[in-house]
Amino acid sequence: MIALARFNRYNQPMRNLGLFLVKNYLKLLVSLVIARHRPQFVVVTGSAGKTTLKFLIYQVLKQKYHHRVAVSPGSLSTKTGIPIALLGFKPDWPNLGPSLWQWPWWLFKALLATVYWLLTTSYPKLWVLEFAADMPGDFKFLLSFVKPTVAVVTNVGDAHLEFFAKRQQIAKEKGEIVAALPQDGLAVLNGNDPLVRKMGDRTSSKTVWIKAQGFKFNDGAARAVGRYFGVRAATINRVIKSFEPPQGRFNTLRGKHGSTIIDSSYNANPVSM
């Protein structure tokens, strides 16, 4: 165990260097694609509920934009996951990403995808993404190539406290997407969360406050984003009524003897639970 700990300590600089090279290589490629097609971005963040809300917003916008709107698959939300998603990949790897030996293949595929997207005109005009921060500075990196038109913040809770000393630091990180909005953009914020309320001071764009939690917040946020992009109210209501959350996120199942099972088994933090 001591030898393993020493090995990990001595190899940490090499891992940090590898991550630096990989993320900036992917940033370069996806920046070329974004500059070519200039899509708009809806970015969702929060300590809980962002993946479900992301897919709900996507379903709402799909009613108007059809194949010209895209959503980041699964929970791809990090400084390496976002570029992979924006290059059109839907990987089946676990949330932590590919194994070390798989990265060279993925980096080569990313280069091929970049060439393809630079030559075609079929790239999405609108993306719905979720941002997650593993450590301070992650959002600053993501926002160096993703410029959101709409920012949605669900809440701030005790997630990733191994890298953030307190909730206020988490809020500061998540608030970066609000501060990055253009003047004609839209911020959709949780009015019940004291730390999220403070984010309203970081933007001059239109701000919609939703004083609700959980699914009611999601419904309100989806309506606000849908209205911003011109989706009809009746259409939004129909999508919300028929929406099914992603697997493992508060899915209702029938059990034996008339019982009901709530499947919320997806990896979660205390706030979402």
Protein backbone atom coordinates (compact mmCIF):
# COMPACT_ATOMS: atom_id res chain seq x y z
CA MET A 1 0.00 0.00 0.00
CA ILE A 2 2.84 2.40 0.83
CA ALA A 3 4.56 1.60 -2.46
CA LEU A 4 1.32 2.18 -4.36
CA ALA A 5 0.79 5.51 -2.63
CA ARG A 6 4.34 6.59 -3.55
CA PHE A 7 3.76 5.47 -7.17
CA ASN A 8 0.56 7.49 -7.39
CA ARG A 9 2.22 10.54 -5.84
CA TYR A 10 5.18 10.45 -8.21
CA ASN A 11 2.97 9.91 -11.26
CA GLN A 12 0.45 12.66 -10.44
CA PRO A 13 2.45 15.32 -12.36
CA MET A 14 2.43 13.08 -15.43
CA ARG A 15 -1.33 12.57 -15.15
CA ASN A 16 -1.84 16.31 -14.77
CA LEU A 17 0.28 16.93 -17.86
CA GLY A 18 -1.66 14.30 -19.79
CA LEU A 19 -4.99 15.88 -18.84
CA PHE A 20 -3.72 19.34 -19.78
CA LEU A 21 -2.64 18.14 -23.23
CA VAL A 22 -5.82 16.15 -23.88
CA LYS A 23 -8.27 18.87 -22.85
CA ASN A 24 -6.48 21.58 -24.82
CA TYR A 25 -6.18 19.35 -27.90
CA LEU A 26 -9.92 18.71 -27.76
CA LYS A 27 -10.58 22.41 -27.14
CA LEU A 28 -8.60 23.33 -30.27
CA LEU A 29 -10.56 20.90 -32.43
CA VAL A 30 -14.01 21.83 -31.16
CA SER A 31 -13.20 25.55 -31.29
CA LEU A 32 -12.60 25.18 -35.04
CA VAL A 33 -16.01 23.53 -35.45
CA ILE A 34 -17.77 26.18 -33.34
CA ALA A 35 -16.11 29.00 -35.30
CA ARG A 36 -17.24 27.37 -38.53
CA HIS A 37 -20.92 26.86 -37.60
CA ARG A 38 -21.54 29.35 -34.73
CA PRO A 39 -24.21 27.39 -32.83
CA GLN A 40 -26.10 28.74 -29.84
CA PHE A 41 -25.78 27.07 -26.44
CA VAL A 42 -28.18 26.43 -23.60
CA VAL A 43 -26.11 25.47 -20.55
CA VAL A 44 -27.62 23.82 -17.48
CA THR A 45 -25.76 23.46 -14.20
CA GLY A 46 -26.46 22.75 -10.55
CA SER A 47 -25.63 20.30 -7.81
CA ALA A 48 -28.68 18.17 -8.60
CA GLY A 49 -31.22 17.67 -11.36
CA LYS A 50 -29.26 19.07 -14.31
CA THR A 51 -29.25 15.94 -16.47
CA THR A 52 -33.02 15.41 -16.27
CA LEU A 53 -33.65 19.11 -16.93
CA LYS A 54 -31.23 19.11 -19.85
CA PHE A 55 -33.16 16.35 -21.61
CA LEU A 56 -36.49 18.03 -20.87
CA ILE A 57 -35.32 21.31 -22.39
CA TYR A 58 -33.98 19.40 -25.39
CA GLN A 59 -37.35 17.73 -25.96
CA VAL A 60 -39.08 21.13 -25.80
CA LEU A 61 -36.69 22.77 -28.28
CA LYS A 62 -36.78 19.74 -30.58
CA GLN A 63 -40.43 20.51 -31.35
CA LYS A 64 -39.29 23.66 -33.21
CA TYR A 65 -35.71 22.98 -34.26
CA HIS A 66 -36.06 19.26 -35.05
CA HIS A 67 -32.71 17.82 -36.19
CA ARG A 68 -30.96 21.19 -35.85
CA VAL A 69 -30.92 20.96 -32.05
CA ALA A 70 -28.67 18.51 -30.23
CA VAL A 71 -28.08 17.46 -26.64
CA SER A 72 -24.96 16.16 -24.93
CA PRO A 73 -25.49 12.42 -24.32
CA GLY A 74 -25.69 10.86 -20.87
CA SER A 75 -23.85 12.89 -18.29
CA LEU A 76 -21.01 14.17 -20.48
CA SER A 77 -20.41 17.46 -18.70
CA THR A 78 -16.70 17.87 -17.95
CA LYS A 79 -13.75 19.57 -19.59
CA THR A 80 -13.12 16.47 -21.71
CA GLY A 81 -16.71 15.21 -21.98
CA ILE A 82 -18.14 18.44 -23.41
CA PRO A 83 -15.73 18.57 -26.39
CA ILE A 84 -16.37 14.89 -27.11
CA ALA A 85 -20.11 15.60 -27.12
CA LEU A 86 -19.77 18.68 -29.34
CA LEU A 87 -17.88 16.60 -31.89
CA GLY A 88 -20.95 14.41 -32.24
CA PHE A 89 -19.91 11.33 -30.29
CA LYS A 90 -22.21 9.29 -28.08
CA PRO A 91 -19.70 7.11 -26.22
CA ASP A 92 -20.80 4.17 -24.09
CA TRP A 93 -17.96 4.46 -21.60
CA PRO A 94 -18.61 5.00 -17.87
CA ASN A 95 -18.93 8.56 -16.55
CA LEU A 96 -15.24 8.74 -15.73
CA GLY A 97 -14.36 8.47 -19.42
CA PRO A 98 -12.30 6.05 -21.47
CA SER A 99 -9.44 4.03 -20.06
CA LEU A 100 -5.94 5.43 -20.44
CA TRP A 101 -5.11 3.08 -23.29
CA GLN A 102 -8.26 4.13 -25.17
CA TRP A 103 -7.49 7.85 -25.27
CA PRO A 104 -5.14 7.80 -28.32
CA TRP A 105 -7.91 6.17 -30.37
CA TRP A 106 -10.47 8.71 -29.18
CA LEU A 107 -8.16 11.62 -29.93
CA PHE A 108 -7.65 10.31 -33.46
CA LYS A 109 -11.42 9.90 -33.89
CA ALA A 110 -11.86 13.47 -32.65
CA LEU A 111 -9.52 14.71 -35.38
CA LEU A 112 -11.49 12.82 -38.06
CA ALA A 113 -14.78 14.18 -36.68
CA THR A 114 -13.41 17.72 -36.79
CA VAL A 115 -12.50 17.38 -40.45
CA TYR A 116 -15.98 16.05 -41.18
CA TRP A 117 -17.78 18.88 -39.36
CA LEU A 118 -15.61 21.49 -41.06
CA LEU A 119 -16.67 20.16 -44.46
CA THR A 120 -20.40 19.71 -43.83
CA THR A 121 -23.25 22.16 -43.28
CA SER A 122 -25.37 19.81 -41.16
CA TYR A 123 -23.90 20.71 -37.77
CA PRO A 124 -26.54 21.56 -35.09
CA LYS A 125 -27.55 25.18 -34.78
CA LEU A 126 -28.47 24.81 -31.12
CA TRP A 127 -26.94 22.70 -28.34
CA VAL A 128 -28.31 21.86 -24.88
CA LEU A 129 -25.43 21.05 -22.52
CA GLU A 130 -24.85 20.42 -18.85
CA PHE A 131 -21.75 21.71 -17.08
CA ALA A 132 -20.21 20.00 -14.05
CA ALA A 133 -17.12 21.15 -12.18
CA ASP A 134 -14.73 18.64 -10.67
CA MET A 135 -12.52 21.42 -9.34
CA PRO A 136 -12.16 25.21 -9.42
CA GLY A 137 -11.43 26.62 -12.86
CA ASP A 138 -13.31 23.98 -14.85
CA PHE A 139 -16.07 26.38 -15.93
CA LYS A 140 -13.55 29.03 -16.95
CA PHE A 141 -11.98 26.47 -19.28
CA LEU A 142 -15.33 25.35 -20.75
CA LEU A 143 -16.51 28.93 -21.22
CA SER A 144 -13.36 29.74 -23.20
CA PHE A 145 -14.98 27.97 -26.18
CA VAL A 146 -18.67 27.52 -25.22
CA LYS A 147 -20.47 30.90 -25.13
CA PRO A 148 -23.96 30.34 -23.67
CA THR A 149 -27.03 32.21 -24.84
CA VAL A 150 -29.11 30.74 -22.01
CA ALA A 151 -27.91 29.68 -18.55
CA VAL A 152 -30.00 27.60 -16.13
CA VAL A 153 -28.93 27.00 -12.52
CA THR A 154 -30.95 24.46 -10.53
CA ASN A 155 -29.34 24.74 -7.08
CA VAL A 156 -26.08 24.73 -5.12
CA GLY A 157 -25.36 21.86 -2.75
CA ASP A 158 -22.56 19.89 -1.16
CA ALA A 159 -21.05 18.27 -4.23
CA HIS A 160 -17.30 17.89 -4.95
CA LEU A 161 -16.39 19.31 -1.56
CA GLU A 162 -13.11 17.40 -1.79
CA PHE A 163 -11.99 20.21 -4.16
CA PHE A 164 -14.24 23.09 -3.05
CA ALA A 165 -13.77 24.25 0.52
CA LYS A 166 -17.37 25.41 0.95
CA ARG A 167 -20.67 25.92 -0.85
CA GLN A 168 -19.86 29.55 -1.62
CA GLN A 169 -16.95 28.43 -3.80
CA ILE A 170 -19.23 25.99 -5.64
CA ALA A 171 -21.72 28.82 -6.20
CA LYS A 172 -18.98 31.08 -7.53
CA GLU A 173 -17.92 28.41 -10.00
CA LYS A 174 -21.45 27.69 -11.23
CA GLY A 175 -22.23 31.39 -11.45
CA GLU A 176 -19.60 31.75 -14.16
CA ILE A 177 -22.11 30.63 -16.79
CA VAL A 178 -24.48 33.41 -15.69
CA ALA A 179 -21.71 36.01 -15.85
CA ALA A 180 -20.84 34.83 -19.38
CA LEU A 181 -24.30 35.57 -20.82
CA PRO A 182 -24.73 38.25 -23.49
CA GLN A 183 -27.02 41.19 -22.79
CA ASP A 184 -29.78 39.67 -24.94
CA GLY A 185 -29.39 36.26 -23.30
CA LEU A 186 -31.49 34.57 -20.63
CA ALA A 187 -30.74 33.43 -17.08
CA VAL A 188 -33.16 30.95 -15.47
CA LEU A 189 -32.40 30.79 -11.76
CA ASN A 190 -33.76 29.07 -8.66
CA GLY A 191 -35.25 31.85 -6.55
CA ASN A 192 -35.51 29.56 -3.52
CA ASP A 193 -31.75 29.01 -3.28
CA PRO A 194 -29.93 31.89 -1.50
CA LEU A 195 -26.64 31.21 -3.29
CA VAL A 196 -28.32 31.04 -6.70
CA ARG A 197 -30.17 34.31 -6.02
CA LYS A 198 -26.84 36.10 -5.70
CA MET A 199 -25.96 35.02 -9.25
CA GLY A 200 -28.58 37.43 -10.57
CA ASP A 201 -26.18 40.26 -9.78
CA ARG A 202 -23.64 38.81 -12.21
CA THR A 203 -25.58 39.44 -15.42
CA SER A 204 -27.45 42.21 -17.24
CA SER A 205 -29.42 39.72 -19.35
CA LYS A 206 -33.08 38.95 -18.76
CA THR A 207 -33.53 36.83 -15.63
CA VAL A 208 -36.41 34.48 -14.88
CA TRP A 209 -36.75 33.46 -11.23
CA ILE A 210 -38.41 30.14 -10.48
CA LYS A 211 -39.36 29.58 -6.85
CA ALA A 212 -39.83 25.83 -6.90
CA GLN A 213 -37.88 22.65 -6.34
CA GLY A 214 -37.40 19.36 -8.16
CA PHE A 215 -39.74 18.56 -11.03
CA LYS A 216 -41.70 21.80 -10.57
CA PHE A 217 -38.49 23.76 -11.07
CA ASN A 218 -37.71 21.68 -14.16
CA ASP A 219 -41.16 22.37 -15.62
CA GLY A 220 -40.82 26.11 -15.02
CA ALA A 221 -37.30 26.24 -16.42
CA ALA A 222 -38.29 24.30 -19.55
CA ARG A 223 -41.18 26.71 -20.11
CA ALA A 224 -38.92 29.74 -19.73
CA VAL A 225 -36.32 28.40 -22.17
CA GLY A 226 -38.99 27.27 -24.62
CA ARG A 227 -40.64 30.71 -24.62
CA TYR A 228 -37.27 32.38 -25.17
CA PHE A 229 -36.79 30.35 -28.36
CA GLY A 230 -40.36 30.83 -29.55
CA VAL A 231 -41.86 27.42 -28.82
CA ARG A 232 -45.65 27.58 -28.42
CA ALA A 233 -47.03 27.23 -24.88
CA ALA A 234 -49.35 24.38 -25.84
CA THR A 235 -46.42 22.48 -27.33
CA ILE A 236 -44.32 22.99 -24.20
CA ASN A 237 -47.14 21.74 -21.96
CA ARG A 238 -47.58 18.63 -24.12
CA VAL A 239 -43.87 17.78 -23.90
CA ILE A 240 -43.76 18.31 -20.14
CA LYS A 241 -46.81 16.11 -19.62
CA SER A 242 -45.37 13.20 -21.62
CA PHE A 243 -41.72 13.53 -20.54
CA GLU A 244 -40.02 10.48 -18.99
CA PRO A 245 -36.88 11.13 -16.87
CA PRO A 246 -33.66 9.36 -17.88
CA GLN A 247 -33.08 5.89 -16.50
CA GLY A 248 -32.27 5.77 -12.79
CA ARG A 249 -33.63 9.24 -12.08
CA PHE A 250 -36.90 9.01 -10.17
CA ASN A 251 -38.46 6.44 -12.47
CA THR A 252 -41.66 4.91 -11.10
CA LEU A 253 -41.93 1.12 -11.44
CA ARG A 254 -44.64 -1.36 -10.51
CA GLY A 255 -43.68 -3.75 -7.73
CA LYS A 256 -45.26 -6.90 -6.35
CA HIS A 257 -48.58 -6.86 -4.51
CA GLY A 258 -49.55 -3.42 -5.82
CA SER A 259 -46.41 -1.71 -4.50
CA THR A 260 -44.62 1.16 -6.20
CA ILE A 261 -40.84 1.29 -6.61
CA ILE A 262 -39.07 4.59 -7.16
CA ASP A 263 -35.84 3.96 -9.06
CA SER A 264 -33.45 6.82 -8.35
CA SER A 265 -30.39 4.60 -8.41
CA TYR A 266 -28.21 6.83 -10.58
CA ASN A 267 -25.00 7.98 -8.87
CA ALA A 268 -26.05 10.99 -6.83
CA ASN A 269 -25.04 13.44 -4.11
CA PRO A 270 -26.96 14.12 -0.86
CA VAL A 271 -28.84 17.09 -2.35
CA SER A 272 -30.33 15.09 -5.23
CA MET A 273 -31.21 12.19 -2.95
